Amino acid sequence: VFKIEDKKHIVNDCQGEKGQTFQDFVAKLPEDQPRYALCDIDYETADGRTQNKLCFFFWSPDDKTSVKDRMIYASSKDAIKKK
C-alpha cells in the first residue's frame, strides 16, 4: 500500500504477507485517506491452470476525503504505475 507524503513523494505505507486474504488487504486501507495498492493475486482458471496477476488499486473514499487529496492522488496515478 502506497501513500503520497508531503503532497510530493509516493512512499510505501505498509506491506502484507503473501498468504494474507483480501479482507486483510482491505483492512490496511484507511477509511479517511486515499491510497494506491498493488496486490499479487494467485488463482486457478476454469480449466485448472494456476495463474498469477499483479493488480493495481486506487482507493479513494469519496465521503471522507477532501477534493484536494482526491485530485492529488488521481493526477499522480500514472507516476506510480511507471514504478
Protein backbone atom coordinates (compact mmCIF):
# COMPACT_ATOMS: atom_id res chain seq x y z
CA VAL A 1 0.00 0.00 0.00
CA PHE A 2 1.41 3.38 -1.03
CA LYS A 3 0.63 6.94 0.04
CA ILE A 4 1.64 10.43 -1.04
CA GLU A 5 3.78 12.18 1.55
CA ASP A 6 4.13 15.99 1.69
CA LYS A 7 1.99 16.21 -1.46
CA LYS A 8 5.10 15.30 -3.49
CA HIS A 9 6.53 11.85 -2.80
CA ILE A 10 4.93 8.44 -3.24
CA VAL A 11 6.14 6.21 -0.40
CA ASN A 12 5.42 2.71 0.88
CA ASP A 13 2.82 2.87 3.67
CA CYS A 14 2.64 -0.83 4.57
CA GLN A 15 3.16 -4.28 3.12
CA GLY A 16 1.28 -7.53 3.54
CA GLU A 17 2.46 -11.11 3.56
CA LYS A 18 1.88 -13.41 0.59
CA GLY A 19 -0.66 -15.67 2.33
CA GLN A 20 -2.98 -12.92 3.58
CA THR A 21 -6.61 -12.72 2.47
CA PHE A 22 -8.42 -9.99 0.57
CA GLN A 23 -10.07 -8.96 3.87
CA ASP A 24 -6.60 -8.46 5.40
CA PHE A 25 -5.69 -6.30 2.40
CA VAL A 26 -8.83 -4.14 2.72
CA ALA A 27 -8.23 -3.73 6.48
CA LYS A 28 -4.93 -1.98 5.72
CA LEU A 29 -6.69 0.76 3.71
CA PRO A 30 -7.56 3.82 5.83
CA GLU A 31 -11.19 4.95 5.95
CA ASP A 32 -10.39 8.64 5.55
CA GLN A 33 -7.40 8.88 3.18
CA PRO A 34 -6.70 7.85 -0.42
CA ARG A 35 -4.12 5.16 -1.17
CA TYR A 36 -2.62 3.21 -4.06
CA ALA A 37 -2.11 -0.51 -3.66
CA LEU A 38 -0.60 -3.43 -5.51
CA CYS A 39 -1.87 -6.91 -4.84
CA ASP A 40 -0.30 -10.12 -6.13
CA ILE A 41 -3.22 -12.49 -6.73
CA ASP A 42 -2.93 -16.24 -7.35
CA TYR A 43 -5.94 -18.01 -8.81
CA GLU A 44 -6.96 -21.07 -10.77
CA THR A 45 -8.63 -20.86 -14.19
CA ALA A 46 -11.72 -22.85 -15.18
CA ASP A 47 -9.50 -25.40 -16.94
CA GLY A 48 -7.37 -25.93 -13.81
CA ARG A 49 -4.29 -23.85 -14.66
CA THR A 50 -2.68 -21.83 -11.87
CA GLN A 51 -2.35 -18.13 -12.79
CA ASN A 52 -0.89 -15.04 -11.14
CA LYS A 53 -1.89 -11.40 -11.66
CA LEU A 54 -0.50 -8.17 -10.25
CA CYS A 55 -3.47 -5.84 -9.66
CA PHE A 56 -3.37 -2.07 -9.13
CA PHE A 57 -5.95 -0.48 -6.81
CA PHE A 58 -6.75 3.20 -6.34
CA TRP A 59 -8.56 3.63 -3.01
CA SER A 60 -10.36 6.96 -2.52
CA PRO A 61 -13.32 7.08 -0.12
CA ASP A 62 -15.44 9.89 -1.55
CA ASP A 63 -17.34 10.78 1.58
CA LYS A 64 -14.34 11.10 3.95
CA THR A 65 -11.55 12.67 1.88
CA SER A 66 -11.07 16.19 0.63
CA VAL A 67 -11.43 17.07 -3.04
CA LYS A 68 -7.83 18.30 -3.00
CA ASP A 69 -6.49 14.95 -1.74
CA ARG A 70 -8.52 13.03 -4.31
CA MET A 71 -7.21 15.28 -7.09
CA ILE A 72 -3.58 14.85 -5.97
CA TYR A 73 -3.91 11.06 -5.95
CA ALA A 74 -5.81 10.94 -9.24
CA SER A 75 -3.22 13.10 -11.01
CA SER A 76 -0.30 11.08 -9.59
CA LYS A 77 -1.67 7.66 -10.52
CA ASP A 78 0.40 7.34 -13.70
CA ALA A 79 3.64 8.01 -11.79
CA ILE A 80 3.10 5.00 -9.52
CA LYS A 81 2.18 2.77 -12.45
CA LYS A 82 5.54 3.57 -14.09
CA LYS A 83 7.45 2.42 -10.98
